[in-house]
Amino acid sequence: MAERRQVQRTRVLKGAKILFNDRASVIDCTVRNLTNLGACAQLASSLGIPQNFELSFDAGRSNRKCQLIWRTENKLGISFS
């Protein structure tokens, strides 16, 4: 399979939160790899995650607007807006 990423991602193991519905819905996830352009997040289930959401790092000190690029049962490919 050909690599389609513009930038090689760095492997990380970082706790984060997915926020949507005007931050009324919060889902815990683990970011597995990361660049300034996007990330891969692992979670219990990707069911119900919308196309656009926020990803919150560092107990809410860092938030990134995101677009869902791909999903599997328990992983998300994310592009930062």
Protein backbone atom coordinates (compact mmCIF):
# COMPACT_ATOMS: atom_id res chain seq x y z
CA MET A 1 0.00 0.00 0.00
CA ALA A 2 1.42 3.40 -0.98
CA GLU A 3 2.04 6.01 1.70
CA ARG A 4 -0.36 8.94 1.17
CA ARG A 5 0.64 11.14 4.10
CA GLN A 6 2.34 14.43 3.30
CA VAL A 7 4.51 14.24 6.44
CA GLN A 8 5.82 11.18 8.26
CA ARG A 9 4.04 10.83 11.60
CA THR A 10 5.75 10.41 14.96
CA ARG A 11 4.66 7.52 17.17
CA VAL A 12 3.18 8.70 20.46
CA LEU A 13 1.01 7.31 23.23
CA LYS A 14 -0.94 10.34 24.38
CA GLY A 15 -4.33 10.56 26.06
CA ALA A 16 -6.83 12.90 24.40
CA LYS A 17 -10.54 13.65 24.19
CA ILE A 18 -12.80 13.89 21.14
CA LEU A 19 -15.32 16.74 21.55
CA PHE A 20 -18.46 17.29 19.46
CA ASN A 21 -22.09 18.49 19.78
CA ASP A 22 -20.82 21.90 20.98
CA ARG A 23 -18.53 20.07 23.43
CA ALA A 24 -21.51 18.33 25.07
CA SER A 25 -20.22 14.93 23.88
CA VAL A 26 -16.77 13.80 25.05
CA ILE A 27 -15.05 10.52 24.14
CA ASP A 28 -11.68 9.46 25.55
CA CYS A 29 -9.10 8.24 23.06
CA THR A 30 -5.39 7.55 22.72
CA VAL A 31 -3.39 9.28 20.01
CA ARG A 32 -1.03 6.71 18.48
CA ASN A 33 0.79 8.88 15.94
CA LEU A 34 0.89 12.60 15.30
CA THR A 35 2.14 15.46 13.07
CA ASN A 36 1.16 19.08 12.74
CA LEU A 37 -1.18 17.99 9.89
CA GLY A 38 -3.01 15.04 11.48
CA ALA A 39 -3.12 12.04 13.76
CA CYS A 40 -4.33 8.52 14.30
CA ALA A 41 -6.50 8.00 17.38
CA GLN A 42 -7.52 4.72 18.98
CA LEU A 43 -10.77 4.46 20.94
CA ALA A 44 -13.23 1.84 22.19
CA SER A 45 -15.58 2.37 19.22
CA SER A 46 -15.60 4.83 16.32
CA LEU A 47 -19.38 4.52 15.99
CA GLY A 48 -21.09 7.90 16.23
CA ILE A 49 -18.01 10.07 15.70
CA PRO A 50 -19.03 12.90 13.31
CA GLN A 51 -17.11 14.13 10.27
CA ASN A 52 -15.92 17.27 12.10
CA PHE A 53 -14.95 17.51 15.77
CA GLU A 54 -12.28 18.83 18.14
CA LEU A 55 -9.40 16.89 19.65
CA SER A 56 -8.34 18.08 23.10
CA PHE A 57 -4.86 17.41 24.51
CA ASP A 58 -3.18 18.24 27.80
CA ALA A 59 -6.32 18.42 29.96
CA GLY A 60 -7.97 20.94 27.62
CA ARG A 61 -5.01 23.30 27.23
CA SER A 62 -4.60 22.38 23.54
CA ASN A 63 -7.58 21.92 21.19
CA ARG A 64 -7.41 21.19 17.46
CA LYS A 65 -10.29 21.31 14.97
CA CYS A 66 -10.37 18.03 13.06
CA GLN A 67 -11.83 16.38 10.02
CA LEU A 68 -12.36 12.62 9.91
CA ILE A 69 -10.45 11.09 6.97
CA TRP A 70 -10.93 7.36 7.61
CA ARG A 71 -12.22 5.04 10.32
CA THR A 72 -12.10 1.44 11.39
CA GLU A 73 -13.96 -0.18 14.26
CA ASN A 74 -11.64 1.36 16.86
CA LYS A 75 -9.32 3.82 15.04
CA LEU A 76 -9.68 7.20 13.36
CA GLY A 77 -7.51 8.89 10.77
CA ILE A 78 -7.69 12.61 11.49
CA SER A 79 -6.68 15.70 9.54
CA PHE A 80 -6.25 18.96 11.46
CA SER A 81 -8.13 21.96 10.07
